[in-house]
Amino acid sequence: MEHPQGGFMPPHGFMREQEIWYMPGTGDTPVTFTSKRDISLSIMEIIKMAQKDPSKLPPYFRIAGTNNTPREIVDIFNKAANGKTHLKLKLLNEQEADDLMKNLKWDFPSDQPNSYDLDYMNEVASRVFRMRGGMGNLDFSDWNHNELINPRQSKWKWKTMEEYAEEVDGMPGDWHN
């Protein structure tokens, strides 16, 4: 949910300055976002379970903090913004998604050598970007271990997209402040 590596960044099609979220697909397939706090609490619960009886653990865990469609998320952000901003969802076909990723300018830390293969990075980013939209690859709403880790939210309440939208005043992605 939050930066770093959150879903509301330019490499994920989220252009804060333009108030546009580019998304491949129809905008009607849920996308899972999980807060850093929820991830941390989940890891702690998994460690506790492993200390009690590791044989009862699944081979891997999938968590899903909040699940909304891109259309719902844009509505949630705009409601939380109270008119200060107006985020728009721009849906893309495969070619448009490829073009967006190819034209994206990657910012590298100025103090680090830039030995990255930008063509390869763009190819991978383009594939990941296309996969996440309408194909359901990031919809973990029905296939997760939330109940095993935090039964009926008895240990903590998962952060909702509405709560996150309120925290960021309706416009996520300001990781420079």
Foldseek 3Di string as FASTA:
>chain_A
DADDVFCQALLLQHDQVVLEREAEDDQAAKFFDADPVRVVLLVVLVVVVCVVPVVPDDPDFFDGLEIDGNVVLQVLLVVLLVPPGRHDYHYDYLVVLLVSLVPDDDDDPPVDDPPDDSVVVSVVSSVVSNCRHHVNPRGCPPPGCCCVRQNVVPPHRRDYSNNVSNVVSSGGDPPVD
